[in-house]
Amino acid sequence: MIRSTRVRAQSLLPFALAMALSITPFTAQAADTVTIFDGDGGLVQQPCNAAGEQIRIDSSSFTTMSVCFGLTRPTGWIATHITGSYGVVNNLKVPAHIAFKLPDGAVYWQETVDPGKVATIDVARTGSTVVEIQVTPVSTNTGPATGTLTASTDAAPNYVSFRSANQVTSGTVMRVTWNGIGATTLDKNSAFTDRLDGTFKVVKGLDGSACVSLESASYPGAYLTAVSNTTLALSNTPAAARATFCPVATSPTSAQQLRLAADQTKALALSGSAVTLASTSSPTAAWFVDSGLARP
């Protein structure tokens, strides 16, 4: 499959835009309410200029042309969708990490905005959609599973990440790589695009069973698929039973195996830096299902 190129957004601003994104305070005013899909409560929406330390997102989608967020504790994060975005002003005393994407499409960037600085997130003069604002380090799960394998609905998409439950490989997360389906150490503080590669959307089993299929968060429409007896890859046109996995509870507590619907003697397992199909007796065939490390 062809993978979309990802590049880091430029932080150099044209003079006129830099002036528009000036860090000079302005009168506090109520902004449109922003929908927050997820977060840890450390970063909350506030009226702009209601506090001295805020992150401001300038966006044509708001009647006030901007929306602001402040910290309730030293760090925090939110997942959101702020359309029509074109600039960021960071009036915090710490860096802010802004993840954003094309207005239409699945190409993502992450921009780090230093304290007291401004940055453009206007993609080809068409604006962008901010999907995450993060002030690190944020807490990340290292214990029992925090997610479920409930199939997504239109109203409630379910994004999850799979963390190895094997004590030797603890902290290793299944992810999409250039070489197929691999596994690397990832957590909530990793780069957004890496976290997105380690996130999957749970959908109803493509084979029509009560099991589930896993759609890549980075590549919508591409599903985790067994392309051979041992090899996994993403496919846009998979054989349904080879892109469907049946969860089975296993040890340690809250861990699960993901058994291939086409052959339930095999399950997803960690093999070095790759994820393969292996016997259900494999010690690396147990996974903690966590809430997704990123949300598109």
C-alpha atoms as a PDB file:
ATOM      1  CA  MET A   1       0.000   0.000   0.000  1.00  0.00           C
ATOM      2  CA  ILE A   2       1.107   3.581  -0.510  1.00  0.00           C
ATOM      3  CA  ARG A   3       1.820   5.386   2.739  1.00  0.00           C
ATOM      4  CA  SER A   4       1.178   9.094   3.082  1.00  0.00           C
ATOM      5  CA  THR A   5       4.258  11.231   3.528  1.00  0.00           C
ATOM      6  CA  ARG A   6       4.461  12.990   6.867  1.00  0.00           C
ATOM      7  CA  VAL A   7       6.538  16.098   7.342  1.00  0.00           C
ATOM      8  CA  ARG A   8       6.991  18.495  10.227  1.00  0.00           C
ATOM      9  CA  ALA A   9       5.142  21.775   9.821  1.00  0.00           C
ATOM     10  CA  GLN A  10       7.237  24.892   9.402  1.00  0.00           C
ATOM     11  CA  SER A  11       7.219  27.238  12.394  1.00  0.00           C
ATOM     12  CA  LEU A  12       8.496  30.276  10.482  1.00  0.00           C
ATOM     13  CA  LEU A  13       5.682  32.748   9.932  1.00  0.00           C
ATOM     14  CA  PRO A  14       5.149  35.389   7.299  1.00  0.00           C
ATOM     15  CA  PHE A  15       5.341  38.826   8.933  1.00  0.00           C
ATOM     16  CA  ALA A  16       1.620  39.549   8.546  1.00  0.00           C
ATOM     17  CA  LEU A  17       0.639  36.246  10.119  1.00  0.00           C
ATOM     18  CA  ALA A  18       3.115  36.702  12.944  1.00  0.00           C
ATOM     19  CA  MET A  19       1.483  40.028  13.712  1.00  0.00           C
ATOM     20  CA  ALA A  20      -1.950  38.395  13.652  1.00  0.00           C
ATOM     21  CA  LEU A  21      -0.715  35.764  16.097  1.00  0.00           C
ATOM     22  CA  SER A  22       0.873  38.310  18.413  1.00  0.00           C
ATOM     23  CA  ILE A  23       1.231  37.258  22.045  1.00  0.00           C
ATOM     24  CA  THR A  24      -0.151  40.637  23.085  1.00  0.00           C
ATOM     25  CA  PRO A  25      -3.145  40.055  25.414  1.00  0.00           C
ATOM     26  CA  PHE A  26      -6.629  41.082  24.352  1.00  0.00           C
ATOM     27  CA  THR A  27      -9.912  41.495  26.195  1.00  0.00           C
ATOM     28  CA  ALA A  28     -11.231  38.286  27.729  1.00  0.00           C
ATOM     29  CA  GLN A  29     -14.318  37.010  25.951  1.00  0.00           C
ATOM     30  CA  ALA A  30     -16.404  33.882  25.967  1.00  0.00           C
ATOM     31  CA  ALA A  31     -15.581  31.529  23.108  1.00  0.00           C
ATOM     32  CA  ASP A  32     -17.557  28.816  21.400  1.00  0.00           C
ATOM     33  CA  THR A  33     -17.490  25.580  23.377  1.00  0.00           C
ATOM     34  CA  VAL A  34     -14.958  23.067  22.089  1.00  0.00           C
ATOM     35  CA  THR A  35     -15.837  19.373  22.051  1.00  0.00           C
ATOM     36  CA  ILE A  36     -13.283  17.410  24.063  1.00  0.00           C
ATOM     37  CA  PHE A  37     -13.223  13.730  23.077  1.00  0.00           C
ATOM     38  CA  ASP A  38     -10.720  12.658  25.703  1.00  0.00           C
ATOM     39  CA  GLY A  39      -8.180  14.058  28.121  1.00  0.00           C
ATOM     40  CA  ASP A  40      -6.775  13.871  31.627  1.00  0.00           C
ATOM     41  CA  GLY A  41      -8.337  17.021  33.081  1.00  0.00           C
ATOM     42  CA  GLY A  42      -5.029  18.845  33.270  1.00  0.00           C
ATOM     43  CA  LEU A  43      -5.846  21.090  30.296  1.00  0.00           C
ATOM     44  CA  VAL A  44      -9.216  22.848  30.131  1.00  0.00           C
ATOM     45  CA  GLN A  45     -10.917  25.447  27.951  1.00  0.00           C
ATOM     46  CA  GLN A  46     -10.940  28.987  29.378  1.00  0.00           C
ATOM     47  CA  PRO A  47     -12.107  32.402  28.130  1.00  0.00           C
ATOM     48  CA  CYS A  48      -9.167  33.882  26.261  1.00  0.00           C
ATOM     49  CA  ASN A  49      -7.039  36.148  28.460  1.00  0.00           C
ATOM     50  CA  ALA A  50      -8.937  35.072  31.578  1.00  0.00           C
ATOM     51  CA  ALA A  51      -5.568  33.841  32.858  1.00  0.00           C
ATOM     52  CA  GLY A  52      -2.031  34.942  32.131  1.00  0.00           C
ATOM     53  CA  GLU A  53      -0.796  31.522  31.057  1.00  0.00           C
ATOM     54  CA  GLN A  54      -2.770  29.979  28.212  1.00  0.00           C
ATOM     55  CA  ILE A  55      -2.488  28.246  24.860  1.00  0.00           C
ATOM     56  CA  ARG A  56      -4.469  30.030  22.153  1.00  0.00           C
ATOM     57  CA  ILE A  57      -5.627  28.366  18.945  1.00  0.00           C
ATOM     58  CA  ASP A  58      -6.655  30.837  16.240  1.00  0.00           C
ATOM     59  CA  SER A  59      -9.392  29.408  14.069  1.00  0.00           C
ATOM     60  CA  SER A  60     -11.896  30.698  11.543  1.00  0.00           C
ATOM     61  CA  SER A  61     -14.451  28.242  12.953  1.00  0.00           C
ATOM     62  CA  PHE A  62     -15.109  30.404  16.017  1.00  0.00           C
ATOM     63  CA  THR A  63     -17.114  33.603  16.244  1.00  0.00           C
ATOM     64  CA  THR A  64     -14.285  35.013  18.398  1.00  0.00           C
ATOM     65  CA  MET A  65     -11.674  33.696  15.901  1.00  0.00           C
ATOM     66  CA  SER A  66      -9.822  31.926  18.730  1.00  0.00           C
ATOM     67  CA  VAL A  67     -10.154  29.487  21.617  1.00  0.00           C
ATOM     68  CA  CYS A  68      -7.929  29.220  24.683  1.00  0.00           C
ATOM     69  CA  PHE A  69      -6.854  26.532  27.137  1.00  0.00           C
ATOM     70  CA  GLY A  70      -5.181  26.687  30.521  1.00  0.00           C
ATOM     71  CA  LEU A  71      -3.531  24.193  32.837  1.00  0.00           C
ATOM     72  CA  THR A  72      -5.162  23.038  36.066  1.00  0.00           C
ATOM     73  CA  ARG A  73      -1.944  21.225  37.020  1.00  0.00           C
ATOM     74  CA  PRO A  74       1.630  21.183  35.661  1.00  0.00           C
ATOM     75  CA  THR A  75       0.846  18.995  32.624  1.00  0.00           C
ATOM     76  CA  GLY A  76      -2.183  17.851  30.668  1.00  0.00           C
ATOM     77  CA  TRP A  77      -3.656  16.844  27.325  1.00  0.00           C
ATOM     78  CA  ILE A  78      -6.873  16.844  25.336  1.00  0.00           C
ATOM     79  CA  ALA A  79      -8.084  15.153  22.168  1.00  0.00           C
ATOM     80  CA  THR A  80     -10.349  17.370  20.114  1.00  0.00           C
ATOM     81  CA  HIS A  81     -11.228  18.515  16.577  1.00  0.00           C
ATOM     82  CA  ILE A  82     -10.714  22.246  16.053  1.00  0.00           C
ATOM     83  CA  THR A  83     -11.360  22.910  12.371  1.00  0.00           C
ATOM     84  CA  GLY A  84     -10.282  26.006  10.450  1.00  0.00           C
ATOM     85  CA  SER A  85      -7.144  26.371  12.577  1.00  0.00           C
ATOM     86  CA  TYR A  86      -4.257  28.491  11.348  1.00  0.00           C
ATOM     87  CA  GLY A  87      -2.137  29.591  14.307  1.00  0.00           C
ATOM     88  CA  VAL A  88      -0.997  28.858  17.849  1.00  0.00           C
ATOM     89  CA  VAL A  89       0.115  31.275  20.574  1.00  0.00           C
ATOM     90  CA  ASN A  90       1.800  29.698  23.592  1.00  0.00           C
ATOM     91  CA  ASN A  91       1.657  31.943  26.653  1.00  0.00           C
ATOM     92  CA  LEU A  92       2.564  29.089  28.992  1.00  0.00           C
ATOM     93  CA  LYS A  93       5.977  28.824  30.634  1.00  0.00           C
ATOM     94  CA  VAL A  94       6.501  25.375  29.121  1.00  0.00           C
ATOM     95  CA  PRO A  95       6.401  23.982  25.557  1.00  0.00           C
ATOM     96  CA  ALA A  96       3.073  22.907  24.055  1.00  0.00           C
ATOM     97  CA  HIS A  97       2.747  20.111  21.518  1.00  0.00           C
ATOM     98  CA  ILE A  98       0.027  20.612  18.904  1.00  0.00           C
ATOM     99  CA  ALA A  99      -1.041  17.734  16.646  1.00  0.00           C
ATOM    100  CA  PHE A 100      -3.034  18.685  13.561  1.00  0.00           C
ATOM    101  CA  LYS A 101      -4.081  17.272  10.223  1.00  0.00           C
ATOM    102  CA  LEU A 102      -5.218  18.249   6.759  1.00  0.00           C
ATOM    103  CA  PRO A 103      -8.781  19.623   6.681  1.00  0.00           C
ATOM    104  CA  ASP A 104      -9.765  16.558   4.632  1.00  0.00           C
ATOM    105  CA  GLY A 105      -7.509  13.551   4.783  1.00  0.00           C
ATOM    106  CA  ALA A 106      -5.274  11.542   7.075  1.00  0.00           C
ATOM    107  CA  VAL A 107      -1.927  13.340   6.903  1.00  0.00           C
ATOM    108  CA  TYR A 108      -0.785  14.503  10.343  1.00  0.00           C
ATOM    109  CA  TRP A 109       1.829  16.809  11.805  1.00  0.00           C
ATOM    110  CA  GLN A 110       2.979  17.707  15.305  1.00  0.00           C
ATOM    111  CA  GLU A 111       4.341  21.149  16.118  1.00  0.00           C
ATOM    112  CA  THR A 112       6.163  21.998  19.345  1.00  0.00           C
ATOM    113  CA  VAL A 113       5.584  25.635  20.294  1.00  0.00           C
ATOM    114  CA  ASP A 114       8.048  27.013  22.822  1.00  0.00           C
ATOM    115  CA  PRO A 115       6.974  29.312  25.671  1.00  0.00           C
ATOM    116  CA  GLY A 116       6.110  32.819  24.503  1.00  0.00           C
ATOM    117  CA  LYS A 117       6.249  31.784  20.836  1.00  0.00           C
ATOM    118  CA  VAL A 118       3.791  31.601  17.960  1.00  0.00           C
ATOM    119  CA  ALA A 119       3.520  29.063  15.147  1.00  0.00           C
ATOM    120  CA  THR A 120       1.498  28.573  12.003  1.00  0.00           C
ATOM    121  CA  ILE A 121      -0.546  25.434  11.514  1.00  0.00           C
ATOM    122  CA  ASP A 122      -2.118  26.633   8.296  1.00  0.00           C
ATOM    123  CA  VAL A 123      -1.653  23.890   5.694  1.00  0.00           C
ATOM    124  CA  ALA A 124      -1.370  25.279   2.164  1.00  0.00           C
ATOM    125  CA  ARG A 125      -3.547  28.247   3.203  1.00  0.00           C
ATOM    126  CA  THR A 126      -6.524  25.969   3.738  1.00  0.00           C
ATOM    127  CA  GLY A 127      -6.317  25.761   7.520  1.00  0.00           C
ATOM    128  CA  SER A 128      -6.024  22.567   9.503  1.00  0.00           C
ATOM    129  CA  THR A 129      -7.818  20.533  12.146  1.00  0.00           C
ATOM    130  CA  VAL A 130      -6.174  20.436  15.576  1.00  0.00           C
ATOM    131  CA  VAL A 131      -6.623  16.943  17.000  1.00  0.00           C
ATOM    132  CA  GLU A 132      -4.525  17.067  20.159  1.00  0.00           C
ATOM    133  CA  ILE A 133      -2.989  19.608  22.533  1.00  0.00           C
ATOM    134  CA  GLN A 134      -0.444  18.245  24.983  1.00  0.00           C
ATOM    135  CA  VAL A 135       1.813  19.620  27.705  1.00  0.00           C
ATOM    136  CA  THR A 136       4.207  16.843  28.742  1.00  0.00           C
ATOM    137  CA  PRO A 137       5.070  14.704  30.555  1.00  0.00           C
ATOM    138  CA  VAL A 138       1.597  13.252  30.969  1.00  0.00           C
ATOM    139  CA  SER A 139       0.747  10.034  32.802  1.00  0.00           C
ATOM    140  CA  THR A 140       0.815   6.839  30.786  1.00  0.00           C
ATOM    141  CA  ASN A 141      -0.534   3.412  31.640  1.00  0.00           C
ATOM    142  CA  THR A 142       1.857   0.709  32.827  1.00  0.00           C
ATOM    143  CA  GLY A 143      -0.613  -1.455  34.756  1.00  0.00           C
ATOM    144  CA  PRO A 144      -3.746  -3.430  33.910  1.00  0.00           C
ATOM    145  CA  ALA A 145      -5.702  -2.808  30.705  1.00  0.00           C
ATOM    146  CA  THR A 146      -7.636   0.458  30.446  1.00  0.00           C
ATOM    147  CA  GLY A 147      -9.542  -0.194  27.205  1.00  0.00           C
ATOM    148  CA  THR A 148     -12.125  -2.579  25.812  1.00  0.00           C
ATOM    149  CA  LEU A 149     -12.690  -4.353  22.512  1.00  0.00           C
ATOM    150  CA  THR A 150     -16.217  -3.024  22.101  1.00  0.00           C
ATOM    151  CA  ALA A 151     -16.959  -2.411  18.421  1.00  0.00           C
ATOM    152  CA  SER A 152     -17.152   1.241  17.404  1.00  0.00           C
ATOM    153  CA  THR A 153     -20.338   3.016  16.446  1.00  0.00           C
ATOM    154  CA  ASP A 154     -20.663   6.293  14.543  1.00  0.00           C
ATOM    155  CA  ALA A 155     -21.477   8.045  17.805  1.00  0.00           C
ATOM    156  CA  ALA A 156     -18.799   6.286  19.844  1.00  0.00           C
ATOM    157  CA  PRO A 157     -15.656   5.272  17.942  1.00  0.00           C
ATOM    158  CA  ASN A 158     -13.393   3.046  20.033  1.00  0.00           C
ATOM    159  CA  TYR A 159      -9.649   3.528  19.570  1.00  0.00           C
ATOM    160  CA  VAL A 160      -7.280   1.182  21.383  1.00  0.00           C
ATOM    161  CA  SER A 161      -3.611   0.296  21.658  1.00  0.00           C
ATOM    162  CA  PHE A 162      -2.127  -3.132  22.360  1.00  0.00           C
ATOM    163  CA  ARG A 163       0.618  -3.312  24.994  1.00  0.00           C
ATOM    164  CA  SER A 164       2.529  -6.535  25.537  1.00  0.00           C
ATOM    165  CA  ALA A 165       1.477  -8.287  28.755  1.00  0.00           C
ATOM    166  CA  ASN A 166       4.676 -10.327  28.843  1.00  0.00           C
ATOM    167  CA  GLN A 167       6.872  -9.230  31.751  1.00  0.00           C
ATOM    168  CA  VAL A 168      10.038  -9.307  29.639  1.00  0.00           C
ATOM    169  CA  THR A 169       8.576  -7.079  26.915  1.00  0.00           C
ATOM    170  CA  SER A 170       6.474  -4.806  29.130  1.00  0.00           C
ATOM    171  CA  GLY A 171       5.827  -1.403  27.543  1.00  0.00           C
ATOM    172  CA  THR A 172       6.156  -2.702  23.972  1.00  0.00           C
ATOM    173  CA  VAL A 173       3.213  -1.630  21.804  1.00  0.00           C
ATOM    174  CA  MET A 174       1.962  -3.116  18.534  1.00  0.00           C
ATOM    175  CA  ARG A 175       2.196  -0.587  15.719  1.00  0.00           C
ATOM    176  CA  VAL A 176       2.281  -0.058  11.985  1.00  0.00           C
ATOM    177  CA  THR A 177       5.816   0.299  10.594  1.00  0.00           C
ATOM    178  CA  TRP A 178       7.351   0.680   7.157  1.00  0.00           C
ATOM    179  CA  ASN A 179       8.152  -3.042   7.292  1.00  0.00           C
ATOM    180  CA  GLY A 180       4.689  -4.229   8.272  1.00  0.00           C
ATOM    181  CA  ILE A 181       3.288  -4.787  11.754  1.00  0.00           C
ATOM    182  CA  GLY A 182       5.940  -4.291  14.400  1.00  0.00           C
ATOM    183  CA  ALA A 183       6.302  -3.418  18.045  1.00  0.00           C
ATOM    184  CA  THR A 184       8.263  -0.679  19.780  1.00  0.00           C
ATOM    185  CA  THR A 185       8.328   1.029  23.146  1.00  0.00           C
ATOM    186  CA  LEU A 186       5.623   3.702  23.048  1.00  0.00           C
ATOM    187  CA  ASP A 187       3.743   5.688  25.641  1.00  0.00           C
ATOM    188  CA  LYS A 188       1.527   8.766  25.883  1.00  0.00           C
ATOM    189  CA  ASN A 189       4.582  11.052  25.648  1.00  0.00           C
ATOM    190  CA  SER A 190       5.871   9.631  22.359  1.00  0.00           C
ATOM    191  CA  ALA A 191       5.533  11.625  19.125  1.00  0.00           C
ATOM    192  CA  PHE A 192       1.925  11.886  17.947  1.00  0.00           C
ATOM    193  CA  THR A 193       2.441  10.169  14.589  1.00  0.00           C
ATOM    194  CA  ASP A 194       4.215   7.244  16.285  1.00  0.00           C
ATOM    195  CA  ARG A 195       1.353   6.939  18.770  1.00  0.00           C
ATOM    196  CA  LEU A 196      -1.147   7.070  15.926  1.00  0.00           C
ATOM    197  CA  ASP A 197       0.675   4.174  14.237  1.00  0.00           C
ATOM    198  CA  GLY A 198       0.192   2.302  17.510  1.00  0.00           C
ATOM    199  CA  THR A 199      -3.565   2.904  17.606  1.00  0.00           C
ATOM    200  CA  PHE A 200      -6.374   0.880  16.033  1.00  0.00           C
ATOM    201  CA  LYS A 201     -10.113   1.416  15.711  1.00  0.00           C
ATOM    202  CA  VAL A 202     -12.162  -1.560  16.892  1.00  0.00           C
ATOM    203  CA  VAL A 203     -14.937  -2.437  14.421  1.00  0.00           C
ATOM    204  CA  LYS A 204     -17.373  -5.305  14.034  1.00  0.00           C
ATOM    205  CA  GLY A 205     -15.798  -8.459  12.642  1.00  0.00           C
ATOM    206  CA  LEU A 206     -15.520  -8.230   8.875  1.00  0.00           C
ATOM    207  CA  ASP A 207     -16.550 -11.891   8.680  1.00  0.00           C
ATOM    208  CA  GLY A 208     -19.912 -11.103  10.285  1.00  0.00           C
ATOM    209  CA  SER A 209     -19.092 -12.936  13.513  1.00  0.00           C
ATOM    210  CA  ALA A 210     -19.186 -11.620  17.073  1.00  0.00           C
ATOM    211  CA  CYS A 211     -15.408 -11.120  16.902  1.00  0.00           C
ATOM    212  CA  VAL A 212     -13.702  -7.841  15.937  1.00  0.00           C
ATOM    213  CA  SER A 213     -11.559  -6.341  13.214  1.00  0.00           C
ATOM    214  CA  LEU A 214      -8.879  -3.709  13.732  1.00  0.00           C
ATOM    215  CA  GLU A 215      -8.718  -0.689  11.434  1.00  0.00           C
ATOM    216  CA  SER A 216      -5.515   1.346  11.434  1.00  0.00           C
ATOM    217  CA  ALA A 217      -5.945   4.813  12.946  1.00  0.00           C
ATOM    218  CA  SER A 218      -3.155   6.091  10.677  1.00  0.00           C
ATOM    219  CA  TYR A 219      -4.586   4.566   7.503  1.00  0.00           C
ATOM    220  CA  PRO A 220      -8.403   4.547   7.574  1.00  0.00           C
ATOM    221  CA  GLY A 221      -9.870   1.707   5.536  1.00  0.00           C
ATOM    222  CA  ALA A 222      -6.823  -0.529   6.058  1.00  0.00           C
ATOM    223  CA  TYR A 223      -7.271  -3.513   8.389  1.00  0.00           C
ATOM    224  CA  LEU A 224      -4.862  -5.686  10.342  1.00  0.00           C
ATOM    225  CA  THR A 225      -4.709  -8.866   8.261  1.00  0.00           C
ATOM    226  CA  ALA A 226      -2.967 -12.246   8.341  1.00  0.00           C
ATOM    227  CA  VAL A 227      -1.423 -12.361   4.870  1.00  0.00           C
ATOM    228  CA  SER A 228       0.251 -15.736   5.525  1.00  0.00           C
ATOM    229  CA  ASN A 229       0.409 -18.345   8.286  1.00  0.00           C
ATOM    230  CA  THR A 230       2.724 -16.091  10.294  1.00  0.00           C
ATOM    231  CA  THR A 231       2.849 -12.651   8.681  1.00  0.00           C
ATOM    232  CA  LEU A 232       0.619  -9.668   9.415  1.00  0.00           C
ATOM    233  CA  ALA A 233       0.114  -6.534   7.338  1.00  0.00           C
ATOM    234  CA  LEU A 234      -2.461  -3.851   6.612  1.00  0.00           C
ATOM    235  CA  SER A 235      -4.876  -4.516   3.774  1.00  0.00           C
ATOM    236  CA  ASN A 236      -7.583  -2.423   2.156  1.00  0.00           C
ATOM    237  CA  THR A 237      -9.170  -5.540   0.634  1.00  0.00           C
ATOM    238  CA  PRO A 238      -8.649  -8.330   3.162  1.00  0.00           C
ATOM    239  CA  ALA A 239     -10.167 -11.783   3.206  1.00  0.00           C
ATOM    240  CA  ALA A 240     -12.720 -11.234   5.948  1.00  0.00           C
ATOM    241  CA  ALA A 241     -11.855 -14.204   8.199  1.00  0.00           C
ATOM    242  CA  ARG A 242      -8.155 -13.332   7.995  1.00  0.00           C
ATOM    243  CA  ALA A 243      -8.828  -9.785   9.176  1.00  0.00           C
ATOM    244  CA  THR A 244     -11.050 -10.805  12.085  1.00  0.00           C
ATOM    245  CA  PHE A 245      -9.764 -11.610  15.566  1.00  0.00           C
ATOM    246  CA  CYS A 246     -11.517 -13.208  18.507  1.00  0.00           C
ATOM    247  CA  PRO A 247     -10.524 -11.961  21.974  1.00  0.00           C
ATOM    248  CA  VAL A 248     -10.008 -14.563  24.688  1.00  0.00           C
ATOM    249  CA  ALA A 249      -9.182 -13.689  28.292  1.00  0.00           C
ATOM    250  CA  THR A 250      -5.792 -14.951  29.436  1.00  0.00           C
ATOM    251  CA  SER A 251      -3.198 -14.354  32.120  1.00  0.00           C
ATOM    252  CA  PRO A 252      -2.004 -12.053  33.572  1.00  0.00           C
ATOM    253  CA  THR A 253      -5.204 -10.479  34.893  1.00  0.00           C
ATOM    254  CA  SER A 254      -6.989  -8.215  32.340  1.00  0.00           C
ATOM    255  CA  ALA A 255      -4.839  -9.468  29.438  1.00  0.00           C
ATOM    256  CA  GLN A 256      -6.320 -10.936  26.267  1.00  0.00           C
ATOM    257  CA  GLN A 257      -5.288 -13.057  23.329  1.00  0.00           C
ATOM    258  CA  LEU A 258      -6.412 -12.060  19.844  1.00  0.00           C
ATOM    259  CA  ARG A 259      -7.028 -15.295  17.972  1.00  0.00           C
ATOM    260  CA  LEU A 260      -7.359 -15.351  14.201  1.00  0.00           C
ATOM    261  CA  ALA A 261     -10.941 -16.133  13.214  1.00  0.00           C
ATOM    262  CA  ALA A 262      -9.748 -18.262  10.295  1.00  0.00           C
ATOM    263  CA  ASP A 263      -7.572 -20.413  12.584  1.00  0.00           C
ATOM    264  CA  GLN A 264      -8.158 -20.028  16.299  1.00  0.00           C
ATOM    265  CA  THR A 265      -5.100 -22.105  17.178  1.00  0.00           C
ATOM    266  CA  LYS A 266      -3.102 -18.973  16.297  1.00  0.00           C
ATOM    267  CA  ALA A 267      -2.990 -15.575  17.948  1.00  0.00           C
ATOM    268  CA  LEU A 268      -1.175 -12.270  17.673  1.00  0.00           C
ATOM    269  CA  ALA A 269       2.218 -12.625  19.351  1.00  0.00           C
ATOM    270  CA  LEU A 270       5.361 -10.605  19.790  1.00  0.00           C
ATOM    271  CA  SER A 271       8.479 -11.919  18.050  1.00  0.00           C
ATOM    272  CA  GLY A 272      11.438  -9.598  18.551  1.00  0.00           C
ATOM    273  CA  SER A 273      10.454  -6.272  16.991  1.00  0.00           C
ATOM    274  CA  ALA A 274       7.659  -7.823  14.910  1.00  0.00           C
ATOM    275  CA  VAL A 275       4.114  -8.956  15.620  1.00  0.00           C
ATOM    276  CA  THR A 276       3.304 -12.293  14.022  1.00  0.00           C
ATOM    277  CA  LEU A 277       0.841 -15.158  14.263  1.00  0.00           C
ATOM    278  CA  ALA A 278       1.966 -17.833  16.701  1.00  0.00           C
ATOM    279  CA  SER A 279       0.548 -20.668  18.765  1.00  0.00           C
ATOM    280  CA  THR A 280      -1.898 -19.628  21.473  1.00  0.00           C
ATOM    281  CA  SER A 281       0.568 -21.213  23.939  1.00  0.00           C
ATOM    282  CA  SER A 282       3.211 -18.578  23.095  1.00  0.00           C
ATOM    283  CA  PRO A 283       4.231 -16.573  26.193  1.00  0.00           C
ATOM    284  CA  THR A 284       4.110 -13.357  24.114  1.00  0.00           C
ATOM    285  CA  ALA A 285       0.539 -13.896  22.839  1.00  0.00           C
ATOM    286  CA  ALA A 286      -0.999 -11.905  25.719  1.00  0.00           C
ATOM    287  CA  TRP A 287      -1.852  -8.216  25.353  1.00  0.00           C
ATOM    288  CA  PHE A 288      -3.217  -5.438  27.520  1.00  0.00           C
ATOM    289  CA  VAL A 289      -5.867  -3.485  25.604  1.00  0.00           C
ATOM    290  CA  ASP A 290      -5.430   0.186  26.499  1.00  0.00           C
ATOM    291  CA  SER A 291      -7.322   3.293  25.502  1.00  0.00           C
ATOM    292  CA  GLY A 292      -5.754   4.480  22.256  1.00  0.00           C
ATOM    293  CA  LEU A 293      -2.435   6.300  22.567  1.00  0.00           C
ATOM    294  CA  ALA A 294      -3.727   8.787  20.001  1.00  0.00           C
ATOM    295  CA  ARG A 295      -7.013   9.745  18.369  1.00  0.00           C
ATOM    296  CA  PRO A 296      -7.236  10.797  14.715  1.00  0.00           C
END
